[in-house]
């Protein structure tokens, strides 16, 4: 029973069987339509200033011959001075070096600028062999078919779309995927081609202040270091999207931090109402499911004793990182030295830390494994350990980047799993734990604690990754981070708060809300059209 209690919080997502990738489809792409100019040395020779749509590949033999040239958004050759144009079959992943169409970029959507091509040979969207290539096509079935001419839509990463014959594919006609021309609604598994332009918030949603570090419209970089709350949730991506809507140039380069991901791990997160605006963006973060603060606080294990423990704030703490302090949950990287993290986030305006919330859960579920059998801390003793570890990481960051603002994100309320609502019995302990952590880090320069409140008796938690906030909870977390950036003078333009009292958090009458109250609500959002609209828990 003790082992089950320890493992249960992690078991569902960690032990899932990953689906097998659909078999690669075969696709013979047609030659270029008449009227295009042949580029004798191939599409890659078209000048970057040229319009790919005016050219075809002029090589006379091989798979590229007479292929239409396409310019694609998101391909590796589109940046850094590489070729601006490629043959259509290369972009679709059906010819050439298939490694070009392999992960990671094959999971990213590609769009031929200004044109989609008909899948040749009367074939349907299911013939497209990659998610990336799907957005280049419309269905090629003959007239009379309900699929003919339908836009091809890709499956979300790590999911698939079922075809009419029951097979699992990366690409299907839009009406079929939506269940509008047969089959079932597969909306939860439909991916996106490209993020639409950021829709600026209406004036009523915006507050301005002078003297901030980053002026309105300026360039800003943030980085998130968390546990599964960063790996299996969308709030870092929502922060990215909100900053873009506020007009900032969000610059998020990848780093050398091991195990960094460009988004949620495997993109196994709910599909939120606003997912189109951020799911195709890269928001690098470090999210380690099951890890606690001590996994990010030490450069080595040299101070661990023969039993695998070190002393932290007078308590024995396991040197094994991962859920339950068990090696099987550690993963390929045994620890994340603060010096490595500090080098990776160097010169970021903001670093958000949410990596410590499992400290509380380790004391609750796995005290013997994590702290030994002699004298284990209780949940409310944990701020002593958390605070010591937090100081080590924050000091390492500031030693390299003294001007970086560190936001310590409070532990959000625990979930009552059966009803996907806040566990009101545990809420008091959550509040006391957060207060202890806030006190423990008090006095650290440019470091601010941010509490996160959830409305009671509302659906705020996932069914996909149990115990983790869903889209609504993530919206609250993301807006809390933005508000902290504004409150502490990092950004000059933030979210309007005037008139948004605590009651707004649980309001569901979205159409009747003021825009500031809508921003505060967990169950409403400011739609790109400028009005307040209902905000759901997400498709899962």
Protein backbone atom coordinates (compact mmCIF):
# COMPACT_ATOMS: atom_id res chain seq x y z
CA UNK A 1 0.00 0.00 0.00
CA UNK A 2 2.79 2.46 0.81
CA UNK A 3 4.40 1.82 -2.56
CA UNK A 4 1.07 2.30 -4.32
CA UNK A 5 0.58 5.65 -2.57
CA UNK A 6 4.05 6.69 -3.60
CA UNK A 7 3.75 5.63 -7.23
CA UNK A 8 0.08 6.40 -7.87
CA UNK A 9 0.43 10.16 -8.49
CA UNK A 10 2.87 9.51 -11.32
CA UNK A 11 1.71 6.16 -12.59
CA UNK A 12 -0.94 7.14 -15.14
CA UNK A 13 1.17 9.38 -17.39
CA UNK A 14 4.46 7.62 -16.82
CA UNK A 15 3.28 4.12 -17.66
CA UNK A 16 1.19 4.87 -20.73
CA UNK A 17 1.86 2.72 -23.74
CA UNK A 18 2.88 5.01 -26.58
CA UNK A 19 0.98 4.33 -29.77
CA UNK A 20 2.87 2.89 -32.71
CA UNK A 21 3.55 5.34 -35.52
CA UNK A 22 1.39 4.73 -38.59
CA UNK A 23 3.15 3.02 -41.46
CA UNK A 24 4.71 5.49 -43.88
CA UNK A 25 2.44 6.26 -46.78
CA UNK A 26 3.70 6.26 -50.33
CA UNK A 27 3.07 9.30 -52.46
CA UNK A 28 4.11 9.93 -56.04
CA UNK A 29 3.91 13.69 -56.42
CA UNK A 30 3.08 15.16 -59.77
CA UNK A 31 5.42 17.29 -61.84
CA UNK A 32 5.15 21.05 -61.71
CA UNK A 33 2.23 22.74 -63.47
CA UNK A 34 2.86 24.63 -66.67
CA UNK A 35 3.90 28.25 -66.41
CA UNK A 36 6.69 27.77 -63.88
CA UNK A 37 10.27 28.57 -64.75
CA UNK A 38 12.68 25.68 -64.39
CA UNK A 39 15.53 26.32 -61.95
CA UNK A 40 18.33 24.36 -63.72
CA UNK A 41 20.27 23.55 -60.56
CA UNK A 42 17.22 22.75 -58.49
CA UNK A 43 14.81 24.57 -56.21
CA UNK A 44 17.55 25.24 -53.68
CA UNK A 45 19.25 27.53 -56.22
CA UNK A 46 16.34 30.00 -56.34
CA UNK A 47 17.56 33.28 -54.76
CA UNK A 48 16.18 34.05 -51.32
CA UNK A 49 14.60 37.13 -52.84
CA UNK A 50 12.76 35.02 -55.43
CA UNK A 51 9.18 33.75 -55.33
CA UNK A 52 9.30 29.98 -55.05
CA UNK A 53 5.85 29.74 -56.63
CA UNK A 54 7.30 30.88 -59.96
CA UNK A 55 9.79 28.00 -60.21
CA UNK A 56 10.01 24.27 -60.62
CA UNK A 57 13.02 22.03 -60.06
CA UNK A 58 14.93 21.97 -63.35
CA UNK A 59 16.95 18.85 -62.74
CA UNK A 60 16.10 16.40 -65.51
CA UNK A 61 16.40 13.09 -63.72
CA UNK A 62 15.79 11.71 -60.28
CA UNK A 63 12.88 12.26 -57.90
CA UNK A 64 13.15 16.06 -57.91
CA UNK A 65 12.61 16.49 -61.65
CA UNK A 66 9.94 19.15 -62.41
CA UNK A 67 8.76 19.20 -58.83
CA UNK A 68 7.07 22.49 -57.84
CA UNK A 69 9.30 24.66 -55.68
CA UNK A 70 7.76 25.64 -52.37
CA UNK A 71 8.76 27.99 -49.59
CA UNK A 72 7.87 26.62 -46.21
CA UNK A 73 7.55 28.16 -42.78
CA UNK A 74 9.29 26.20 -40.05
CA UNK A 75 11.79 24.21 -42.12
CA UNK A 76 15.45 24.23 -41.09
CA UNK A 77 16.56 25.58 -44.45
CA UNK A 78 14.29 28.64 -44.11
CA UNK A 79 16.59 30.24 -41.50
CA UNK A 80 20.24 31.00 -41.10
CA UNK A 81 20.94 31.67 -44.76
CA UNK A 82 19.84 28.27 -46.05
CA UNK A 83 17.90 27.66 -49.22
CA UNK A 84 14.58 29.47 -49.40
CA UNK A 85 12.92 26.92 -51.71
CA UNK A 86 12.75 23.13 -51.84
CA UNK A 87 11.01 20.59 -54.08
CA UNK A 88 7.49 19.81 -52.95
CA UNK A 89 8.27 16.13 -52.49
CA UNK A 90 11.11 16.96 -50.08
CA UNK A 91 8.84 19.21 -48.01
CA UNK A 92 6.21 16.46 -47.96
CA UNK A 93 8.77 13.86 -46.89
CA UNK A 94 8.16 11.58 -49.90
CA UNK A 95 11.50 11.89 -51.73
CA UNK A 96 15.14 12.59 -51.10
CA UNK A 97 16.93 11.97 -47.84
CA UNK A 98 14.15 10.87 -45.49
CA UNK A 99 16.29 12.04 -42.57
CA UNK A 100 15.33 15.54 -43.68
CA UNK A 101 11.77 14.67 -42.78
CA UNK A 102 12.65 13.00 -39.49
CA UNK A 103 12.07 14.47 -36.02
CA UNK A 104 12.37 16.96 -34.64
CA UNK A 105 11.33 19.18 -37.50
CA UNK A 106 9.00 16.70 -39.15
CA UNK A 107 6.71 17.19 -36.18
CA UNK A 108 6.55 20.92 -36.91
CA UNK A 109 3.96 22.14 -39.41
CA UNK A 110 5.10 23.36 -42.80
CA UNK A 111 3.02 25.55 -45.05
CA UNK A 112 3.71 26.33 -48.67
CA UNK A 113 3.53 30.10 -48.77
CA UNK A 114 0.36 31.13 -50.58
CA UNK A 115 -0.61 27.81 -52.15
CA UNK A 116 -1.80 24.29 -51.40
CA UNK A 117 -1.37 21.42 -53.83
CA UNK A 118 -3.88 18.75 -54.75
CA UNK A 119 -2.81 15.29 -53.63
CA UNK A 120 -2.07 13.61 -56.99
CA UNK A 121 -3.45 10.44 -58.50
CA UNK A 122 -6.89 10.77 -56.94
CA UNK A 123 -5.38 10.02 -53.55
CA UNK A 124 -6.65 11.40 -50.27
CA UNK A 125 -4.93 13.30 -47.50
CA UNK A 126 -4.08 10.02 -45.79
CA UNK A 127 -1.41 9.43 -48.46
CA UNK A 128 0.71 12.26 -47.03
CA UNK A 129 3.49 10.55 -45.04
CA UNK A 130 4.27 13.30 -42.51
CA UNK A 131 2.45 15.77 -40.29
CA UNK A 132 4.75 18.43 -41.61
CA UNK A 133 3.78 17.87 -45.22
CA UNK A 134 0.06 17.66 -44.52
CA UNK A 135 -0.46 21.42 -44.55
CA UNK A 136 0.87 21.62 -48.12
CA UNK A 137 -2.14 19.82 -49.63
CA UNK A 138 -5.85 19.55 -50.31
CA UNK A 139 -7.51 16.18 -50.72
CA UNK A 140 -7.14 14.72 -54.22
CA UNK A 141 -10.24 12.55 -54.38
CA UNK A 142 -12.33 12.97 -57.52
CA UNK A 143 -15.32 15.29 -57.65
CA UNK A 144 -18.35 13.72 -56.03
CA UNK A 145 -16.39 12.52 -53.03
CA UNK A 146 -17.22 14.40 -49.82
CA UNK A 147 -13.47 14.71 -49.28
CA UNK A 148 -12.62 16.29 -52.67
CA UNK A 149 -10.82 19.60 -52.28
CA UNK A 150 -10.93 19.51 -48.48
CA UNK A 151 -7.94 21.03 -46.70
CA UNK A 152 -5.68 18.36 -45.30
CA UNK A 153 -5.22 18.71 -41.52
CA UNK A 154 -2.38 17.15 -39.51
CA UNK A 155 -2.60 15.11 -36.35
CA UNK A 156 -1.23 16.68 -33.21
CA UNK A 157 2.21 15.46 -32.22
CA UNK A 158 2.13 12.02 -30.58
CA UNK A 159 -1.41 11.40 -31.79
CA UNK A 160 -2.94 10.16 -35.03
CA UNK A 161 -6.13 10.62 -37.03
CA UNK A 162 -8.22 7.59 -37.91
CA UNK A 163 -8.97 7.21 -41.62
CA UNK A 164 -12.30 5.96 -43.01
CA UNK A 165 -10.81 2.45 -43.26
CA UNK A 166 -9.81 2.56 -39.59
CA UNK A 167 -6.08 2.97 -40.21
CA UNK A 168 -4.01 5.42 -38.20
CA UNK A 169 -2.61 8.33 -40.20
CA UNK A 170 -0.83 11.65 -39.78
CA UNK A 171 -3.17 13.50 -42.15
CA UNK A 172 -6.89 13.52 -43.05
CA UNK A 173 -9.45 15.75 -44.81
CA UNK A 174 -10.69 18.47 -42.51
CA UNK A 175 -14.38 17.54 -42.71
CA UNK A 176 -13.62 13.91 -41.86
CA UNK A 177 -11.41 14.84 -38.92
CA UNK A 178 -14.18 17.06 -37.57
CA UNK A 179 -16.81 14.36 -38.06
CA UNK A 180 -18.72 16.63 -40.47
CA UNK A 181 -18.66 14.27 -43.47
CA UNK A 182 -18.70 10.93 -41.71
CA UNK A 183 -16.86 9.29 -38.87
CA UNK A 184 -16.47 10.69 -35.38
CA UNK A 185 -15.28 14.06 -34.19
CA UNK A 186 -11.50 13.86 -33.75
CA UNK A 187 -11.02 17.53 -32.84
CA UNK A 188 -8.86 16.69 -29.82
CA UNK A 189 -6.30 15.09 -32.17
CA UNK A 190 -6.24 17.74 -34.93
CA UNK A 191 -3.04 19.76 -35.01
CA UNK A 192 -2.33 23.19 -36.42
CA UNK A 193 -0.52 24.37 -39.52
CA UNK A 194 0.90 27.69 -38.35
CA UNK A 195 0.14 30.01 -35.48
CA UNK A 196 -2.11 32.84 -36.64
CA UNK A 197 -0.77 36.34 -36.07
CA UNK A 198 -0.96 37.35 -32.44
CA UNK A 199 -4.26 39.14 -31.87
CA UNK A 200 -3.48 42.29 -29.83
CA UNK A 201 -5.48 42.69 -26.66
CA UNK A 202 -8.12 45.42 -26.84
CA UNK A 203 -7.19 48.70 -25.08
CA UNK A 204 -9.37 47.84 -22.09
CA UNK A 205 -7.20 44.76 -21.42
CA UNK A 206 -3.92 46.66 -21.22
CA UNK A 207 -2.19 48.61 -18.46
CA UNK A 208 0.93 50.76 -18.97
CA UNK A 209 3.65 51.96 -16.61
CA UNK A 210 6.90 53.92 -17.02
CA UNK A 211 10.39 52.87 -16.04
CA UNK A 212 10.15 49.14 -16.68
CA UNK A 213 13.08 46.98 -17.77
CA UNK A 214 11.43 46.05 -21.07
CA UNK A 215 9.56 48.80 -22.90
CA UNK A 216 6.23 48.10 -24.56
CA UNK A 217 6.95 46.29 -27.81
CA UNK A 218 10.48 45.40 -26.73
CA UNK A 219 12.33 42.12 -26.86
CA UNK A 220 11.87 39.77 -23.91
CA UNK A 221 13.16 36.34 -23.00
CA UNK A 222 11.83 34.13 -20.22
CA UNK A 223 12.62 30.57 -19.20
CA UNK A 224 10.71 28.04 -17.07
CA UNK A 225 12.29 25.44 -14.79
CA UNK A 226 9.72 23.08 -13.36
CA UNK A 227 8.64 19.56 -12.64
CA UNK A 228 5.72 17.88 -14.39
CA UNK A 229 3.84 21.19 -14.09
CA UNK A 230 6.10 22.46 -16.89
CA UNK A 231 6.28 19.16 -18.77
CA UNK A 232 2.57 18.28 -18.92
CA UNK A 233 0.88 21.69 -18.85
CA UNK A 234 0.46 24.64 -21.20
CA UNK A 235 0.96 27.63 -18.89
CA UNK A 236 4.51 28.40 -20.19
CA UNK A 237 3.06 28.41 -23.72
CA UNK A 238 0.19 30.61 -22.61
CA UNK A 239 2.69 33.07 -21.09
CA UNK A 240 4.40 33.15 -24.49
CA UNK A 241 1.09 33.82 -26.25
CA UNK A 242 -0.02 36.49 -23.77
CA UNK A 243 3.26 38.37 -24.15
CA UNK A 244 2.84 38.32 -27.92
CA UNK A 245 -0.70 39.66 -27.56
CA UNK A 246 0.73 42.45 -25.41
CA UNK A 247 3.02 43.34 -28.29
CA UNK A 248 6.35 41.99 -27.08
CA UNK A 249 8.96 40.43 -29.32
CA UNK A 250 9.38 37.17 -27.45
CA UNK A 251 12.80 35.67 -28.11
CA UNK A 252 13.22 32.15 -26.76
CA UNK A 253 16.42 30.49 -27.99
CA UNK A 254 17.14 26.90 -27.12
CA UNK A 255 19.90 26.30 -24.57
CA UNK A 256 22.48 23.68 -23.67
CA UNK A 257 20.51 22.59 -20.60
CA UNK A 258 20.17 18.78 -20.85
CA UNK A 259 16.66 17.38 -21.42
CA UNK A 260 15.26 20.76 -22.41
CA UNK A 261 12.12 20.49 -24.54
CA UNK A 262 10.68 23.07 -26.97
CA UNK A 263 7.19 22.62 -25.53
CA UNK A 264 5.22 20.23 -23.32
CA UNK A 265 6.80 16.78 -23.33
CA UNK A 266 5.33 14.92 -26.28
CA UNK A 267 2.71 17.68 -26.54
CA UNK A 268 0.54 15.42 -24.38
CA UNK A 269 -1.55 18.24 -22.99
CA UNK A 270 -5.19 19.29 -23.35
CA UNK A 271 -6.04 21.15 -26.55
CA UNK A 272 -7.16 24.53 -25.26
CA UNK A 273 -9.52 27.02 -26.90
CA UNK A 274 -6.55 29.28 -27.72
CA UNK A 275 -4.10 26.48 -28.63
CA UNK A 276 -3.83 27.62 -32.25
CA UNK A 277 -1.94 30.69 -31.04
CA UNK A 278 0.85 28.83 -29.28
CA UNK A 279 0.94 25.11 -30.03
CA UNK A 280 3.14 25.57 -33.10
CA UNK A 281 5.46 27.99 -31.28
CA UNK A 282 8.56 26.83 -29.45
CA UNK A 283 8.69 27.70 -25.76
CA UNK A 284 11.84 26.00 -24.41
CA UNK A 285 11.63 24.85 -20.82
CA UNK A 286 13.06 22.30 -18.42
CA UNK A 287 10.29 20.13 -16.98
CA UNK A 288 11.19 17.03 -14.98
CA UNK A 289 8.18 14.94 -13.92
CA UNK A 290 8.40 13.79 -10.32
CA UNK A 291 11.55 15.76 -9.48
CA UNK A 292 11.97 17.91 -6.41
CA UNK A 293 14.04 21.01 -5.63
CA UNK A 294 17.15 19.08 -4.60
CA UNK A 295 17.57 17.78 -8.15
CA UNK A 296 18.39 21.32 -9.31
CA UNK A 297 20.47 22.58 -6.38
CA UNK A 298 23.78 20.67 -6.46
CA UNK A 299 26.59 20.45 -8.97
CA UNK A 300 27.51 16.91 -7.94
CA UNK A 301 26.76 14.08 -5.53
CA UNK A 302 30.11 14.31 -3.80
CA UNK A 303 28.51 15.27 -0.48
CA UNK A 304 26.19 12.25 -0.42
CA UNK A 305 26.86 9.64 2.27
CA UNK A 306 27.24 5.90 1.86
CA UNK A 307 23.47 5.44 2.16
CA UNK A 308 22.74 7.91 -0.61
CA UNK A 309 21.62 10.85 1.54
CA UNK A 310 22.88 14.40 2.08
CA UNK A 311 22.04 16.85 4.85
CA UNK A 312 19.87 19.80 3.81
CA UNK A 313 18.74 22.26 6.48
CA UNK A 314 19.39 19.58 9.11
CA UNK A 315 17.32 16.89 7.37
CA UNK A 316 18.49 13.78 5.57
CA UNK A 317 17.44 14.02 1.93
CA UNK A 318 17.92 11.38 -0.76
CA UNK A 319 20.48 12.08 -3.48
CA UNK A 320 18.32 10.13 -5.97
CA UNK A 321 16.23 12.40 -8.14
CA UNK A 322 12.86 11.47 -9.59
CA UNK A 323 9.46 10.61 -8.21
CA UNK A 324 9.63 8.82 -4.88
CA UNK A 325 13.43 9.29 -4.93
CA UNK A 326 13.66 6.10 -6.99
CA UNK A 327 16.23 5.62 -9.74
CA UNK A 328 13.68 4.16 -12.15
CA UNK A 329 12.03 7.59 -12.37
CA UNK A 330 15.26 9.56 -12.70
CA UNK A 331 15.73 9.37 -16.45
CA UNK A 332 18.92 9.78 -18.44
CA UNK A 333 20.14 12.88 -16.57
CA UNK A 334 20.94 12.20 -12.88
CA UNK A 335 20.91 15.84 -11.75
CA UNK A 336 20.77 19.38 -13.11
CA UNK A 337 23.68 21.42 -11.75
CA UNK A 338 22.68 25.00 -10.93
CA UNK A 339 25.80 26.17 -12.78
CA UNK A 340 24.50 24.50 -15.97
CA UNK A 341 21.04 26.02 -15.52
CA UNK A 342 22.54 29.45 -14.86
CA UNK A 343 24.60 29.29 -18.03
CA UNK A 344 21.56 28.27 -20.04
CA UNK A 345 19.29 31.07 -18.81
CA UNK A 346 22.00 33.72 -18.93
CA UNK A 347 20.66 37.18 -19.83
CA UNK A 348 17.01 36.14 -19.61
CA UNK A 349 14.85 38.95 -18.29
CA UNK A 350 12.77 36.46 -16.32
CA UNK A 351 13.25 32.93 -14.98
CA UNK A 352 10.18 31.20 -13.55
CA UNK A 353 10.80 28.46 -10.97
CA UNK A 354 8.14 25.83 -10.33
CA UNK A 355 10.51 22.92 -9.81
CA UNK A 356 9.95 22.46 -6.09
CA UNK A 357 6.27 21.57 -5.76
CA UNK A 358 6.99 17.86 -5.41
CA UNK A 359 8.87 18.61 -2.19
CA UNK A 360 5.47 18.77 -0.49
CA UNK A 361 4.27 15.58 -2.16
CA UNK A 362 7.49 13.67 -1.39
CA UNK A 363 6.92 14.28 2.32
CA UNK A 364 3.29 13.27 1.98
CA UNK A 365 3.59 10.15 -0.17
CA UNK A 366 7.19 8.89 0.05
CA UNK A 367 8.80 9.99 3.34
CA UNK A 368 10.84 6.84 3.95
CA UNK A 369 12.33 6.68 0.45
CA UNK A 370 13.18 10.39 0.32
CA UNK A 371 14.19 11.16 3.89
CA UNK A 372 15.03 7.88 5.60
CA UNK A 373 13.14 6.03 8.30
CA UNK A 374 14.64 7.70 11.37
CA UNK A 375 13.32 11.25 11.22
CA UNK A 376 11.36 12.26 8.15
CA UNK A 377 9.92 15.76 7.72
CA UNK A 378 6.18 16.37 7.45
CA UNK A 379 4.67 18.36 4.57
CA UNK A 380 4.80 21.61 6.53
CA UNK A 381 8.46 21.10 7.46
CA UNK A 382 9.40 21.10 3.79
CA UNK A 383 9.84 24.89 3.31
CA UNK A 384 13.11 24.56 5.29
CA UNK A 385 14.47 22.13 2.69
CA UNK A 386 12.86 23.92 -0.25
CA UNK A 387 14.20 27.30 0.85
CA UNK A 388 17.78 26.02 1.16
CA UNK A 389 17.66 24.48 -2.30
CA UNK A 390 15.95 27.50 -3.82
CA UNK A 391 18.67 29.83 -2.54
CA UNK A 392 21.38 27.71 -4.14
CA UNK A 393 19.72 27.86 -7.55
CA UNK A 394 18.73 31.53 -7.40
CA UNK A 395 22.21 32.56 -6.26
CA UNK A 396 23.75 30.57 -9.13
CA UNK A 397 21.48 32.33 -11.63
CA UNK A 398 22.27 35.76 -10.21
CA UNK A 399 26.00 35.04 -10.13
CA UNK A 400 25.85 34.85 -13.94
CA UNK A 401 22.92 37.23 -14.63
CA UNK A 402 22.47 39.63 -11.70
CA UNK A 403 19.74 41.59 -13.51
CA UNK A 404 17.50 38.58 -14.12
CA UNK A 405 14.19 38.63 -12.25
CA UNK A 406 13.32 35.27 -10.68
CA UNK A 407 9.64 34.49 -10.19
CA UNK A 408 8.97 31.62 -7.78
CA UNK A 409 5.59 30.25 -8.72
CA UNK A 410 3.53 29.13 -5.74
CA UNK A 411 2.24 25.58 -5.56
CA UNK A 412 -1.25 25.64 -7.00
CA UNK A 413 -4.03 23.94 -5.01
CA UNK A 414 -4.09 20.16 -4.88
CA UNK A 415 -6.66 18.28 -6.96
CA UNK A 416 -9.57 16.25 -5.72
CA UNK A 417 -9.25 13.64 -8.44
CA UNK A 418 -12.75 12.23 -8.62
CA UNK A 419 -14.40 15.57 -9.42
CA UNK A 420 -11.38 17.39 -10.97
CA UNK A 421 -11.80 20.25 -8.49
CA UNK A 422 -9.67 21.83 -5.79
CA UNK A 423 -9.22 19.56 -2.76
CA UNK A 424 -10.56 21.89 -0.08
CA UNK A 425 -9.34 19.63 2.73
CA UNK A 426 -5.73 19.99 1.53
CA UNK A 427 -6.05 23.67 0.64
CA UNK A 428 -5.06 24.88 4.10
CA UNK A 429 -1.82 22.87 3.96
CA UNK A 430 -1.12 24.18 0.44
CA UNK A 431 -1.48 27.75 1.71
CA UNK A 432 0.78 27.17 4.73
CA UNK A 433 3.41 25.45 2.58
CA UNK A 434 3.44 28.37 0.12
CA UNK A 435 3.74 30.88 2.95
CA UNK A 436 6.72 28.96 4.32
CA UNK A 437 8.49 28.92 0.95
CA UNK A 438 7.78 32.64 0.46
CA UNK A 439 9.30 33.40 3.85
CA UNK A 440 12.31 31.16 3.18
CA UNK A 441 13.30 33.10 0.04
CA UNK A 442 12.53 36.53 1.44
CA UNK A 443 15.49 38.86 0.97
CA UNK A 444 16.87 37.22 -2.15
CA UNK A 445 17.54 40.02 -4.67
CA UNK A 446 15.22 40.29 -7.68
CA UNK A 447 13.28 37.25 -6.50
CA UNK A 448 9.52 37.33 -6.03
CA UNK A 449 7.00 34.76 -4.86
CA UNK A 450 3.68 34.54 -6.71
CA UNK A 451 0.65 32.85 -5.18
CA UNK A 452 -1.81 31.11 -7.49
CA UNK A 453 -5.48 30.85 -6.51
CA UNK A 454 -8.02 28.55 -8.16
CA UNK A 455 -11.80 28.89 -7.84
CA UNK A 456 -13.48 26.20 -5.79
CA UNK A 457 -16.00 23.70 -7.15
CA UNK A 458 -14.98 24.23 -10.79
CA UNK A 459 -13.35 21.83 -13.27
CA UNK A 460 -9.70 22.94 -13.12
CA UNK A 461 -7.79 19.66 -13.51
CA UNK A 462 -6.93 17.29 -16.34
CA UNK A 463 -8.14 13.81 -17.08
CA UNK A 464 -5.13 13.34 -19.39
CA UNK A 465 -2.45 13.92 -16.72
CA UNK A 466 -4.15 13.42 -13.39
CA UNK A 467 -3.55 16.01 -10.70
CA UNK A 468 -2.33 18.63 -13.17
CA UNK A 469 -4.08 21.85 -14.03
CA UNK A 470 -6.09 21.91 -17.24
CA UNK A 471 -6.40 24.84 -19.66
CA UNK A 472 -8.37 26.90 -17.17
CA UNK A 473 -5.87 26.41 -14.37
CA UNK A 474 -3.02 27.12 -16.76
CA UNK A 475 -4.67 30.38 -17.83
CA UNK A 476 -4.75 31.48 -14.19
CA UNK A 477 -1.09 30.50 -13.73
CA UNK A 478 0.01 32.26 -16.93
CA UNK A 479 -1.81 35.48 -16.12
CA UNK A 480 -0.33 35.39 -12.59
CA UNK A 481 3.16 35.23 -14.13
CA UNK A 482 2.39 38.14 -16.47
CA UNK A 483 0.99 40.16 -13.56
CA UNK A 484 4.15 39.49 -11.54
CA UNK A 485 6.32 40.69 -14.45
CA UNK A 486 4.31 43.92 -14.52
CA UNK A 487 4.09 44.41 -10.76
CA UNK A 488 7.85 44.05 -10.32
CA UNK A 489 8.77 46.38 -13.15
CA UNK A 490 9.97 43.91 -15.76
CA UNK A 491 7.45 44.88 -18.45
CA UNK A 492 5.98 48.30 -19.21
CA UNK A 493 2.75 46.93 -20.64
CA UNK A 494 0.75 44.35 -18.73
CA UNK A 495 -2.76 43.05 -18.17
CA UNK A 496 -5.33 45.50 -16.84
CA UNK A 497 -6.40 44.69 -13.29
CA UNK A 498 -8.56 47.66 -12.32
CA UNK A 499 -12.02 46.42 -11.42
CA UNK A 500 -10.96 42.75 -11.43
CA UNK A 501 -11.68 41.64 -7.87
CA UNK A 502 -11.31 38.15 -6.42
CA UNK A 503 -14.89 37.28 -7.37
CA UNK A 504 -13.92 37.48 -11.04
CA UNK A 505 -11.87 34.29 -10.67
CA UNK A 506 -14.95 32.06 -10.61
CA UNK A 507 -17.25 34.06 -12.89
CA UNK A 508 -18.81 32.13 -15.76
CA UNK A 509 -21.11 34.82 -17.20
CA UNK A 510 -18.42 35.78 -19.67
CA UNK A 511 -20.49 37.99 -21.96
CA UNK A 512 -21.43 40.21 -19.01
CA UNK A 513 -17.88 40.67 -17.69
CA UNK A 514 -15.66 43.70 -18.06
CA UNK A 515 -12.45 42.96 -19.93
CA UNK A 516 -10.25 43.16 -16.77
CA UNK A 517 -12.63 40.77 -14.99
CA UNK A 518 -12.52 38.47 -18.02
CA UNK A 519 -8.73 38.40 -17.83
CA UNK A 520 -8.98 37.36 -14.18
CA UNK A 521 -11.62 34.66 -14.68
CA UNK A 522 -10.48 31.04 -14.91
CA UNK A 523 -13.49 30.22 -17.07
CA UNK A 524 -13.41 33.07 -19.61
CA UNK A 525 -10.85 34.55 -21.98
CA UNK A 526 -10.43 37.63 -24.12
CA UNK A 527 -11.18 36.29 -27.58
CA UNK A 528 -9.01 37.53 -30.49
CA UNK A 529 -12.10 39.39 -31.73
CA UNK A 530 -11.91 41.50 -28.57
CA UNK A 531 -14.88 40.21 -26.57
CA UNK A 532 -15.04 38.01 -23.48
CA UNK A 533 -15.85 34.39 -24.35
CA UNK A 534 -16.20 31.12 -22.39
CA UNK A 535 -12.96 29.20 -21.84
CA UNK A 536 -13.18 25.43 -21.52
CA UNK A 537 -11.02 22.84 -19.73
CA UNK A 538 -9.58 21.68 -23.07
CA UNK A 539 -10.09 18.65 -25.29
CA UNK A 540 -8.32 15.64 -23.80
